[in-house]
Amino acid sequence: MRVTTKGQVTIPQHIREKLGITPATEIDFVEEEGRIFLVKRKAGNATIQKFAKLRGSATVKMTTDEIIALTRTDK
């Protein structure tokens, strides 16, 4: 296996299938006794991280009717 200039490698298909790794799957590299292991990140952590990005409050000073009027068009 060869590392690209960007530090990327291709995970062989049989390994991706065995671990259930699909596009956007979060993985970690773990070092133990001088060896590096690829491990699939637990789903709970990824889910929490995705929702953490969405946490906050709206700052738009518009009424619900004004927002709906912007998103709907007359046909």
Protein backbone atom coordinates (compact mmCIF):
# COMPACT_ATOMS: atom_id res chain seq x y z
CA MET A 1 0.00 0.00 0.00
CA ARG A 2 1.31 3.45 -0.85
CA VAL A 3 0.66 6.75 0.94
CA THR A 4 -0.23 9.70 -1.32
CA THR A 5 1.43 13.12 -1.06
CA LYS A 6 -1.63 14.21 0.94
CA GLY A 7 -1.05 11.41 3.47
CA GLN A 8 -3.98 9.35 2.20
CA VAL A 9 -4.30 5.60 1.73
CA THR A 10 -7.09 3.49 0.31
CA ILE A 11 -8.65 1.10 2.81
CA PRO A 12 -9.15 -2.20 0.96
CA GLN A 13 -12.78 -3.01 0.16
CA HIS A 14 -12.87 -6.25 2.16
CA ILE A 15 -11.75 -4.38 5.28
CA ARG A 16 -14.28 -1.55 4.74
CA GLU A 17 -17.04 -4.14 4.34
CA LYS A 18 -15.94 -6.14 7.41
CA LEU A 19 -15.87 -3.02 9.62
CA GLY A 20 -18.94 -1.39 8.05
CA ILE A 21 -16.97 1.64 6.93
CA THR A 22 -18.91 3.75 4.45
CA PRO A 23 -18.36 7.33 3.20
CA ALA A 24 -18.41 9.81 6.10
CA THR A 25 -17.76 7.06 8.69
CA GLU A 26 -15.59 8.40 11.52
CA ILE A 27 -12.46 6.36 12.25
CA ASP A 28 -9.56 6.66 14.67
CA PHE A 29 -5.96 5.51 14.60
CA VAL A 30 -4.81 3.87 17.83
CA GLU A 31 -1.16 3.23 18.70
CA GLU A 32 -0.33 0.20 20.84
CA GLU A 33 3.13 -1.23 21.41
CA GLY A 34 4.60 0.49 18.35
CA ARG A 35 1.77 -0.63 16.04
CA ILE A 36 -1.01 1.51 14.58
CA PHE A 37 -4.57 0.21 14.36
CA LEU A 38 -7.50 1.65 12.44
CA VAL A 39 -10.72 1.48 14.47
CA LYS A 40 -14.24 2.56 13.64
CA ARG A 41 -15.38 5.31 16.00
CA LYS A 42 -18.40 4.44 18.13
CA ALA A 43 -21.64 5.80 16.65
CA GLY A 44 -22.65 7.64 19.82
CA ASN A 45 -19.70 10.04 19.61
CA ALA A 46 -20.29 10.92 15.97
CA THR A 47 -23.99 11.53 16.57
CA ILE A 48 -23.30 13.84 19.48
CA GLN A 49 -20.74 15.78 17.44
CA LYS A 50 -23.16 16.26 14.55
CA PHE A 51 -25.86 17.70 16.80
CA ALA A 52 -23.40 19.82 18.77
CA LYS A 53 -22.71 21.80 15.59
CA LEU A 54 -26.41 22.65 15.32
CA ARG A 55 -26.84 23.82 18.91
CA GLY A 56 -27.67 27.52 19.33
CA SER A 57 -30.47 29.96 18.82
CA ALA A 58 -31.89 31.91 15.92
CA THR A 59 -30.73 35.50 15.56
CA VAL A 60 -33.07 36.60 12.77
CA LYS A 61 -35.54 39.27 13.86
CA MET A 62 -38.40 38.05 11.65
CA THR A 63 -41.82 36.71 12.43
CA THR A 64 -42.78 33.18 11.44
CA ASP A 65 -45.12 34.60 8.77
CA GLU A 66 -42.26 36.64 7.27
CA ILE A 67 -39.99 33.59 7.12
CA ILE A 68 -42.71 31.46 5.52
CA ALA A 69 -43.38 34.19 2.94
CA LEU A 70 -39.68 34.11 1.96
CA THR A 71 -39.66 30.33 1.47
CA ARG A 72 -42.89 30.00 -0.48
CA THR A 73 -43.66 31.24 -3.94
CA ASP A 74 -47.00 31.77 -5.63
CA LYS A 75 -47.49 29.48 -8.59
